[in-house]
Amino acid sequence: MLRNYEFRRYLWLQLLISAVALVVAALWLGWAAAGLVLTALIITYINFYLFTRWRYRELEELSRYLRQIASGEYSFVIRDNREGELSILKNEIFKVTVRLSEQSEYLLRDKERMSEAISDISHQLKTPLTSMGVMLDLLKQPNLPHDKQKEFLKYMQQQLERLEWLITSLLKLSKLEAGTVLFQSERVKLAELVQRALSPIEIPIEIKNIHIVLEGDTDLTLDVDKKWTIEAILNVVKNAVEHTPHGGTITLTLSRNELYTALIVADTGSGIAKEDIPHLFKRFYRGKQASESSVGIGLAMSYHILQAQKGVIEVHNGLQLGAVFTLKWYH
């Protein structure tokens, strides 16, 4: 305690006041009164010393605790349910420690997710690059027939288009997961969004002779970002097209209730494996019945787009056949 400048200054000041009090008591009241004053001062000093020593020990404990926090140790519990300034300080430091611990765990999980994402992206990019490398080696053959050259070049062009799509999709998904996308909300008709989403996949729908049925109130409106919401609907419908057999049907139902506006996408495919349902909206997850061209990005992107616009996306198997996706936008 004597190392503390404030404490030494306070002690010298108290000793000076005590000496003056003793002299005044001896001169005005006599030596007996001075003895009583001296006894009271000694008791006061002892009490003050014990109290100050206890406070310094508490402060030393807090200092040790803060050093542990600085070194990354958050397991030390310092909660104090008593009253007083030190107890309040302890509790406030404990609250800060809990927040720092949660933030540290979040950063660790984020680092792990980043590592997994880089690994997944590397794997996804490796496949088309490897294929193109093989095609280049084949094209180097001097006696390669012209029709084979055309076939290999066409295949490489397809792989390049796939690679471009994959990179674009990954960039979109990364922005969505990082929360850096600025959504521009505007009032639009849900039926119009559905029609715009169907436009890019008209050819595969026609090739598979799939019947598209639009049901419900076509005048329903939403306050959403038009471009991103079309992207979300497109990915869900595209998934339905991939899993609907030739001559099947995809039913799009528009509805609204007190809580939300919904779009239900139901197909007549084989449905979704029960063990796949909890993981279906995870990035790069491919279910047991996923097509060969699927990389597991589209549904994850739809999930994040709806989530960012106060919406949710749910999935379950139909009563008879096929999967049922429900996109909900809460009012």
Protein backbone atom coordinates (compact mmCIF):
# COMPACT_ATOMS: atom_id res chain seq x y z
CA MET A 1 0.00 0.00 0.00
CA LEU A 2 2.85 2.36 0.80
CA ARG A 3 3.91 2.18 -2.84
CA ASN A 4 0.79 4.15 -3.71
CA TYR A 5 1.50 7.89 -3.85
CA GLU A 6 -2.10 8.86 -3.03
CA PHE A 7 -2.13 6.55 -0.01
CA ARG A 8 1.16 8.00 1.35
CA ARG A 9 -0.09 11.53 0.91
CA TYR A 10 -3.35 10.70 2.66
CA LEU A 11 -1.44 8.96 5.51
CA TRP A 12 0.85 11.97 6.09
CA LEU A 13 -2.14 14.30 6.09
CA GLN A 14 -3.96 12.13 8.66
CA LEU A 15 -0.88 11.97 10.89
CA LEU A 16 -0.60 15.76 10.79
CA ILE A 17 -4.27 16.18 11.67
CA SER A 18 -3.91 13.62 14.49
CA ALA A 19 -0.86 15.37 15.95
CA VAL A 20 -2.68 18.73 15.93
CA ALA A 21 -5.73 17.09 17.57
CA LEU A 22 -3.55 15.53 20.31
CA VAL A 23 -1.81 18.85 21.06
CA VAL A 24 -5.11 20.74 21.22
CA ALA A 25 -6.68 18.05 23.45
CA ALA A 26 -3.66 18.07 25.82
CA LEU A 27 -3.57 21.88 26.12
CA TRP A 28 -7.31 22.49 26.42
CA LEU A 29 -8.69 19.32 28.06
CA GLY A 30 -5.72 17.70 29.76
CA TRP A 31 -3.65 14.60 29.36
CA ALA A 32 -6.51 12.22 30.14
CA ALA A 33 -8.54 13.60 27.23
CA ALA A 34 -5.46 13.43 25.01
CA GLY A 35 -5.11 9.72 25.93
CA LEU A 36 -8.70 9.04 24.92
CA VAL A 37 -8.17 10.90 21.64
CA LEU A 38 -4.97 8.90 21.00
CA THR A 39 -6.79 5.60 21.70
CA ALA A 40 -9.61 6.56 19.30
CA LEU A 41 -7.09 7.55 16.64
CA ILE A 42 -5.21 4.24 16.97
CA ILE A 43 -8.46 2.25 16.63
CA THR A 44 -9.40 4.38 13.63
CA TYR A 45 -5.99 3.82 12.01
CA ILE A 46 -6.19 0.06 12.56
CA ASN A 47 -9.71 -0.05 11.12
CA PHE A 48 -8.67 2.12 8.18
CA TYR A 49 -5.59 -0.06 7.56
CA LEU A 50 -7.60 -3.29 7.55
CA PHE A 51 -10.29 -1.81 5.31
CA THR A 52 -7.75 -0.34 2.87
CA ARG A 53 -5.81 -3.60 2.82
CA TRP A 54 -8.99 -5.48 1.93
CA ARG A 55 -9.80 -3.02 -0.86
CA TYR A 56 -6.27 -3.31 -2.26
CA ARG A 57 -6.56 -7.08 -2.26
CA GLU A 58 -9.85 -6.81 -4.19
CA LEU A 59 -8.24 -4.43 -6.67
CA GLU A 60 -5.24 -6.74 -7.01
CA GLU A 61 -7.63 -9.61 -7.77
CA LEU A 62 -9.32 -7.47 -10.43
CA SER A 63 -5.92 -6.60 -11.92
CA ARG A 64 -4.99 -10.28 -12.05
CA TYR A 65 -8.34 -11.05 -13.66
CA LEU A 66 -7.81 -8.35 -16.31
CA ARG A 67 -4.36 -9.77 -17.07
CA GLN A 68 -5.97 -13.18 -17.61
CA ILE A 69 -8.50 -11.61 -19.98
CA ALA A 70 -5.68 -9.90 -21.89
CA SER A 71 -3.98 -13.30 -22.32
CA GLY A 72 -7.19 -14.82 -23.71
CA GLU A 73 -8.36 -16.69 -20.58
CA TYR A 74 -12.11 -16.17 -20.04
CA SER A 75 -12.98 -19.06 -17.70
CA PHE A 76 -12.32 -17.20 -14.42
CA VAL A 77 -15.64 -16.28 -12.77
CA ILE A 78 -15.69 -13.05 -10.76
CA ARG A 79 -19.38 -12.41 -10.25
CA ASP A 80 -20.26 -10.72 -6.93
CA ASN A 81 -23.83 -10.40 -5.65
CA ARG A 82 -22.98 -8.06 -2.78
CA GLU A 83 -23.63 -4.33 -2.83
CA GLY A 84 -20.99 -1.64 -3.18
CA GLU A 85 -18.85 0.00 -5.80
CA LEU A 86 -16.32 -2.84 -6.04
CA SER A 87 -19.09 -5.41 -6.47
CA ILE A 88 -20.63 -3.30 -9.25
CA LEU A 89 -17.20 -3.01 -10.90
CA LYS A 90 -16.69 -6.78 -10.65
CA ASN A 91 -20.05 -7.48 -12.25
CA GLU A 92 -19.41 -5.01 -15.06
CA ILE A 93 -16.02 -6.57 -15.77
CA PHE A 94 -17.66 -10.00 -15.76
CA LYS A 95 -20.23 -8.81 -18.32
CA VAL A 96 -17.44 -7.48 -20.54
CA THR A 97 -15.63 -10.81 -20.15
CA VAL A 98 -18.72 -12.75 -21.25
CA ARG A 99 -19.08 -10.54 -24.32
CA LEU A 100 -15.38 -10.92 -25.14
CA SER A 101 -15.66 -14.68 -24.72
CA GLU A 102 -18.68 -14.85 -27.03
CA GLN A 103 -16.93 -12.64 -29.57
CA SER A 104 -13.81 -14.82 -29.39
CA GLU A 105 -15.90 -17.96 -29.99
CA TYR A 106 -17.71 -16.26 -32.87
CA LEU A 107 -14.42 -15.23 -34.48
CA LEU A 108 -13.09 -18.77 -34.06
CA ARG A 109 -16.22 -20.24 -35.67
CA ASP A 110 -16.01 -17.62 -38.42
CA LYS A 111 -12.39 -18.59 -39.04
CA GLU A 112 -13.38 -22.26 -39.23
CA ARG A 113 -16.22 -21.43 -41.63
CA MET A 114 -13.83 -19.41 -43.77
CA SER A 115 -11.39 -22.32 -43.85
CA GLU A 116 -14.19 -24.71 -44.84
CA ALA A 117 -15.45 -22.28 -47.48
CA ILE A 118 -11.99 -21.93 -49.03
CA SER A 119 -11.64 -25.71 -49.07
CA ASP A 120 -15.08 -26.14 -50.67
CA ILE A 121 -14.45 -23.43 -53.26
CA SER A 122 -11.09 -24.94 -54.11
CA HIS A 123 -12.73 -28.33 -54.62
CA GLN A 124 -15.52 -26.88 -56.78
CA LEU A 125 -13.10 -24.96 -59.01
CA LYS A 126 -10.70 -27.87 -59.31
CA THR A 127 -13.14 -30.12 -61.21
CA PRO A 128 -13.70 -27.95 -64.33
CA LEU A 129 -10.05 -26.85 -64.36
CA THR A 130 -8.90 -30.48 -64.30
CA SER A 131 -11.32 -31.35 -67.11
CA MET A 132 -10.05 -28.49 -69.26
CA GLY A 133 -6.47 -29.55 -68.58
CA VAL A 134 -7.26 -33.03 -69.88
CA MET A 135 -8.94 -31.56 -72.98
CA LEU A 136 -5.90 -29.37 -73.69
CA ASP A 137 -3.61 -32.40 -73.53
CA LEU A 138 -5.86 -34.20 -76.01
CA LEU A 139 -5.96 -31.20 -78.34
CA LYS A 140 -2.15 -31.21 -78.48
CA GLN A 141 -2.19 -34.52 -80.31
CA PRO A 142 -0.97 -33.84 -83.91
CA ASN A 143 -3.23 -36.36 -85.65
CA LEU A 144 -6.44 -35.55 -83.78
CA PRO A 145 -9.47 -35.66 -86.13
CA HIS A 146 -11.23 -32.38 -86.85
CA ASP A 147 -14.58 -33.55 -85.46
CA LYS A 148 -12.86 -34.54 -82.20
CA GLN A 149 -11.25 -31.10 -82.01
CA LYS A 150 -14.66 -29.49 -82.36
CA GLU A 151 -16.08 -31.83 -79.71
CA PHE A 152 -13.28 -31.08 -77.24
CA LEU A 153 -13.47 -27.32 -77.87
CA LYS A 154 -17.22 -27.39 -77.32
CA TYR A 155 -16.70 -29.27 -74.06
CA MET A 156 -14.07 -26.74 -72.92
CA GLN A 157 -16.43 -23.90 -73.73
CA GLN A 158 -19.08 -25.56 -71.56
CA GLN A 159 -16.60 -25.95 -68.72
CA LEU A 160 -15.57 -22.29 -69.02
CA GLU A 161 -19.21 -21.21 -68.87
CA ARG A 162 -19.72 -23.45 -65.84
CA LEU A 163 -16.61 -21.98 -64.22
CA GLU A 164 -17.83 -18.43 -64.87
CA TRP A 165 -21.25 -19.25 -63.41
CA LEU A 166 -19.65 -20.91 -60.40
CA ILE A 167 -17.40 -17.93 -59.63
CA THR A 168 -20.28 -15.47 -60.04
CA SER A 169 -22.51 -17.55 -57.76
CA LEU A 170 -19.77 -17.87 -55.15
CA LEU A 171 -19.24 -14.12 -55.13
CA LYS A 172 -22.98 -13.54 -54.68
CA LEU A 173 -23.20 -16.10 -51.89
CA SER A 174 -20.14 -14.65 -50.12
CA LYS A 175 -21.68 -11.17 -50.18
CA LEU A 176 -24.96 -12.51 -48.83
CA GLU A 177 -23.29 -14.44 -46.02
CA ALA A 178 -21.12 -11.44 -45.11
CA GLY A 179 -24.18 -9.17 -45.01
CA THR A 180 -22.66 -6.65 -47.44
CA VAL A 181 -25.53 -6.70 -49.95
CA LEU A 182 -27.66 -3.53 -49.96
CA PHE A 183 -31.24 -4.54 -50.73
CA GLN A 184 -33.33 -1.93 -52.56
CA SER A 185 -36.92 -2.55 -51.52
CA GLU A 186 -39.78 -1.74 -53.89
CA ARG A 187 -43.42 -2.83 -54.22
CA VAL A 188 -43.79 -5.49 -56.92
CA LYS A 189 -46.29 -8.18 -57.84
CA LEU A 190 -45.31 -11.66 -56.69
CA ALA A 191 -46.72 -13.18 -59.91
CA GLU A 192 -44.43 -10.90 -61.95
CA LEU A 193 -41.41 -12.07 -59.96
CA VAL A 194 -42.40 -15.68 -60.60
CA GLN A 195 -42.74 -15.07 -64.36
CA ARG A 196 -39.35 -13.34 -64.47
CA ALA A 197 -37.80 -16.26 -62.58
CA LEU A 198 -39.26 -18.80 -65.01
CA SER A 199 -37.86 -17.03 -68.08
CA PRO A 200 -34.20 -18.23 -67.85
CA ILE A 201 -35.24 -21.89 -67.45
CA GLU A 202 -37.88 -22.07 -70.19
CA ILE A 203 -35.67 -24.32 -72.37
CA PRO A 204 -35.10 -27.11 -69.76
CA ILE A 205 -38.81 -26.89 -68.85
CA GLU A 206 -39.73 -27.36 -72.52
CA ILE A 207 -37.19 -30.15 -73.08
CA LYS A 208 -38.59 -32.14 -70.13
CA ASN A 209 -42.18 -31.25 -71.12
CA ILE A 210 -42.90 -30.05 -67.57
CA HIS A 211 -46.29 -28.45 -66.91
CA ILE A 212 -46.11 -25.21 -64.91
CA VAL A 213 -49.31 -24.44 -62.96
CA LEU A 214 -49.72 -21.00 -61.35
CA GLU A 215 -52.42 -20.83 -58.68
CA GLY A 216 -53.66 -18.31 -56.15
CA ASP A 217 -53.99 -14.53 -56.09
CA THR A 218 -51.89 -13.11 -58.91
CA ASP A 219 -52.41 -9.56 -57.62
CA LEU A 220 -50.41 -10.09 -54.41
CA THR A 221 -47.64 -7.55 -53.90
CA LEU A 222 -44.40 -7.53 -51.90
CA ASP A 223 -41.93 -4.92 -50.68
CA VAL A 224 -38.67 -6.62 -51.65
CA ASP A 225 -35.55 -6.21 -53.74
CA LYS A 226 -36.75 -7.23 -57.19
CA LYS A 227 -33.47 -8.55 -58.63
CA TRP A 228 -32.42 -10.61 -55.60
CA THR A 229 -35.90 -12.01 -54.99
CA ILE A 230 -36.11 -13.20 -58.60
CA GLU A 231 -32.75 -14.92 -58.00
CA ALA A 232 -34.14 -16.67 -54.91
CA ILE A 233 -37.30 -17.88 -56.69
CA LEU A 234 -35.28 -18.94 -59.76
CA ASN A 235 -32.99 -21.17 -57.69
CA VAL A 236 -35.91 -22.91 -55.98
CA VAL A 237 -37.86 -23.47 -59.24
CA LYS A 238 -34.67 -24.59 -61.02
CA ASN A 239 -34.15 -27.17 -58.29
CA ALA A 240 -37.72 -28.37 -58.81
CA VAL A 241 -37.16 -28.64 -62.57
CA GLU A 242 -34.02 -30.74 -62.02
CA HIS A 243 -35.91 -33.21 -59.82
CA THR A 244 -39.15 -33.38 -61.81
CA PRO A 245 -39.34 -36.28 -64.31
CA HIS A 246 -40.26 -35.88 -67.96
CA GLY A 247 -43.91 -34.89 -68.30
CA GLY A 248 -44.20 -33.94 -64.62
CA THR A 249 -45.84 -30.91 -63.05
CA ILE A 250 -44.60 -28.00 -60.94
CA THR A 251 -47.32 -26.10 -59.09
CA LEU A 252 -46.66 -22.52 -57.96
CA THR A 253 -49.19 -21.29 -55.39
CA LEU A 254 -49.42 -17.65 -54.28
CA SER A 255 -51.10 -16.91 -50.94
CA ARG A 256 -51.28 -14.40 -48.11
CA ASN A 257 -52.45 -14.46 -44.49
CA GLU A 258 -52.24 -12.21 -41.44
CA LEU A 259 -48.53 -12.89 -40.93
CA TYR A 260 -46.89 -13.42 -44.29
CA THR A 261 -47.10 -13.66 -48.07
CA ALA A 262 -46.08 -17.06 -49.41
CA LEU A 263 -45.01 -18.79 -52.60
CA ILE A 264 -45.33 -22.59 -52.52
CA VAL A 265 -43.31 -24.55 -55.10
CA ALA A 266 -44.44 -28.18 -55.32
CA ASP A 267 -43.04 -30.69 -57.83
CA THR A 268 -43.92 -34.28 -58.73
CA GLY A 269 -40.43 -35.67 -58.35
CA SER A 270 -39.23 -38.36 -55.98
CA GLY A 271 -39.02 -36.05 -52.97
CA ILE A 272 -36.13 -35.42 -50.59
CA ALA A 273 -34.39 -37.97 -48.38
CA LYS A 274 -35.32 -37.41 -44.74
CA GLU A 275 -31.68 -37.10 -43.64
CA ASP A 276 -31.03 -34.43 -46.31
CA ILE A 277 -33.78 -32.01 -45.22
CA PRO A 278 -31.90 -30.40 -42.23
CA HIS A 279 -28.85 -29.69 -44.41
CA LEU A 280 -30.50 -28.72 -47.68
CA PHE A 281 -29.80 -24.96 -47.37
CA LYS A 282 -26.15 -25.31 -46.40
CA ARG A 283 -23.52 -24.13 -48.84
CA PHE A 284 -22.17 -26.88 -51.16
CA TYR A 285 -24.46 -29.51 -49.66
CA ARG A 286 -25.55 -32.08 -52.22
CA GLY A 287 -28.28 -34.51 -51.26
CA LYS A 288 -28.47 -38.15 -52.23
CA GLN A 289 -30.67 -37.37 -55.23
CA ALA A 290 -28.75 -34.29 -56.42
CA SER A 291 -28.04 -34.06 -60.13
CA GLU A 292 -24.49 -34.35 -61.44
CA SER A 293 -24.42 -30.66 -62.40
CA SER A 294 -25.51 -29.51 -58.94
CA VAL A 295 -22.89 -27.86 -56.72
CA GLY A 296 -25.12 -26.96 -53.77
CA ILE A 297 -25.15 -23.16 -54.08
CA GLY A 298 -28.60 -22.20 -55.35
CA LEU A 299 -30.73 -23.18 -52.35
CA ALA A 300 -28.18 -21.72 -49.92
CA MET A 301 -28.37 -18.44 -51.85
CA SER A 302 -32.18 -18.44 -51.76
CA TYR A 303 -32.08 -19.05 -48.00
CA HIS A 304 -29.81 -16.06 -47.38
CA ILE A 305 -31.78 -13.77 -49.72
CA LEU A 306 -35.05 -14.46 -47.91
CA GLN A 307 -33.43 -14.25 -44.49
CA ALA A 308 -32.02 -10.79 -45.32
CA GLN A 309 -35.52 -9.60 -46.29
CA LYS A 310 -37.40 -10.79 -43.17
CA GLY A 311 -38.36 -14.05 -44.81
CA VAL A 312 -37.83 -17.76 -44.43
CA ILE A 313 -37.74 -20.78 -46.72
CA GLU A 314 -39.02 -24.16 -45.59
CA VAL A 315 -39.10 -27.59 -47.23
CA HIS A 316 -40.91 -30.87 -46.72
CA ASN A 317 -42.05 -33.82 -48.77
CA GLY A 318 -45.54 -33.78 -50.25
CA LEU A 319 -48.33 -36.11 -49.13
CA GLN A 320 -47.94 -38.22 -52.27
CA LEU A 321 -44.89 -37.39 -54.39
CA GLY A 322 -42.35 -34.62 -54.73
CA ALA A 323 -40.86 -31.88 -52.60
CA VAL A 324 -42.66 -28.77 -51.37
CA PHE A 325 -40.71 -25.53 -50.87
CA THR A 326 -42.46 -22.67 -49.08
CA LEU A 327 -41.03 -19.15 -49.41
CA LYS A 328 -42.47 -16.76 -46.81
CA TRP A 329 -42.10 -12.98 -46.59
CA TYR A 330 -43.37 -11.62 -43.28
CA HIS A 331 -45.30 -8.34 -43.23
